[in-house]
Amino acid sequence: MKSFLLFNNKGGAGKTTLVFNLAHMLARQGRRVVVIDYDPQCNITAIFLEDEELAEIWDAPAAQGRTVFACLDPVRIGNGDMRSPRLHQADDNLWLLPGNMELSRFEQTLAEEWPKKFAVDNERALNVTAALDQLSNLAAAEANADFVLFDVGPSLGALNRSALLSSDAVIMPIAPDLFSVRGLRNVGPAFRDWRKEWRQTCDSHMKGRVQAGWPRHGFQPIGYIVQQHIARADRPVKAYRDWLKTIPGEYHEAILSEKRIESELAYEQDRECLGMLRHFASLAPYAQMARKPMFDLKTADGVGGGQLLAVSKSHEEFRKLADRIVERLDRLPDLSVKPMKEK
C-alpha cells in the first residue's frame, strides 16, 4: 500500500477536486483506493456525500468509528485505543473515511505533543503524533487498499504535519499565479525540517514499532501538477504564461533543494512535472452537483455542446495523470529497509 497527498500552501488551487477525480480514476483502473478527509472543512466529504447522509454519519455514536474524529478522539483525550474506522463505500474499489469539523480540536493536541516527542517519558506524545498514521493503516487494511489518498487543507499547521508524516509521497498542484508559486518557498523548508525531526524520532524512539511492522514514510516529493490555466487556442494567456516559466525553477530550488535551473526550461520538459490539467471550471459545478467525477458527466447531468468535448478530454488527462503518479509511487524506495537520504 502507498499513501500520498496533494499539498499547496495556497488555497484555491483545486486540490480537493483533483483528489476526488484522481481517486475515481485510480479505482476505475482496478486499484483499491481509500480517501481519508483530514481537512476540518470537510470539502471532499461534502463532494462524496449528500447533506442528509453526512448528517446521519455525524450523528452516529462515536463508537462506530464512522468519521476521522470519531476514530481519533480516544487518543486525543488519552482514554483508550483508537477506534477502528468504518469506511463508507463510495463506488467500486473506492472507500471514504469522512471528515468532521470537530477534527480541528485534535490539532491543538498535536501541537502540544509534538515538542515532547524526544522526552524520556514520551509515549503519549508518540501515540498522538503517529495517530493519523495508525488510522490510515487501519483504513487501508479494512479495504485491502492499494492506495490511500489524504485530503488536507492548505495550512502548515500541526494537523497537516501529522498527515504528511503518514504519507509516502506528496504532489504539488500549482496554479500559474503569484501566491501558488511563491507558496513553494514556505513549503520546502517546513517539509525538510519535519522530515528530519521525524526520522530522528523514529530512529531513537520508534524502533520497536518499526520492527513490529509499523511502516516508515518519507513524504517524498514526486512531482507537481500545473492546473487552472485559461487557454486560448490551446495556449495560456500571457499573464499565466509568464508564471508558467517560473514554476520549474521555483519547484527545484524550494522543494528539491537543487540548484536553480534555467528559467528557459519549459514545464513540459521538466522531469518533475506530472502534467498540466486544463481549466475545467465549467464542469466543476456540474460534477459536484452530480457527485461524480468530471469524466463521468453526461447530458442528463446538464452538460452539453462543447462541454461534452471537455468531458472526454478530462477523462484522457486524468487517465494519463493517474498512470504517471502510479509509476512514480512504484519507484519509491522501501524505507523500512533503507531510509532515503535527505536532499
Foldseek 3Di string as FASTA:
>chain_A
DAEEEEAFLDPPLCRLLLVLQLLVLCVVVPFQEEEAELALVQVNVLLQDPPVVVVVLVPDPLLQQQAPCSQCVCLQVVNDHGHQHDWDARDRSYTYRTYHNCSVVLLVSLVVLCVVLPPPPNVSSVCSLQVVLVRQVSVCVVRVGPYYYYYYDSHLGRSVLSVLQNGQAYEYEAELDDRRLVRLLVVAVSLLVSLVVVVVSCVPPVVVVLVVPRFGHRRYYQAYEYEDFADDVRHGDPSSVVSQLCRVQSCCCRHVVDDRDDSPDGLVNDPRYLYYDYNLVVQVVLCSVVSHRLLPDDVVSPDDDCSPVVSVVNSVRSNSSSVSVVVSSVPRDRVSVPNDDRD
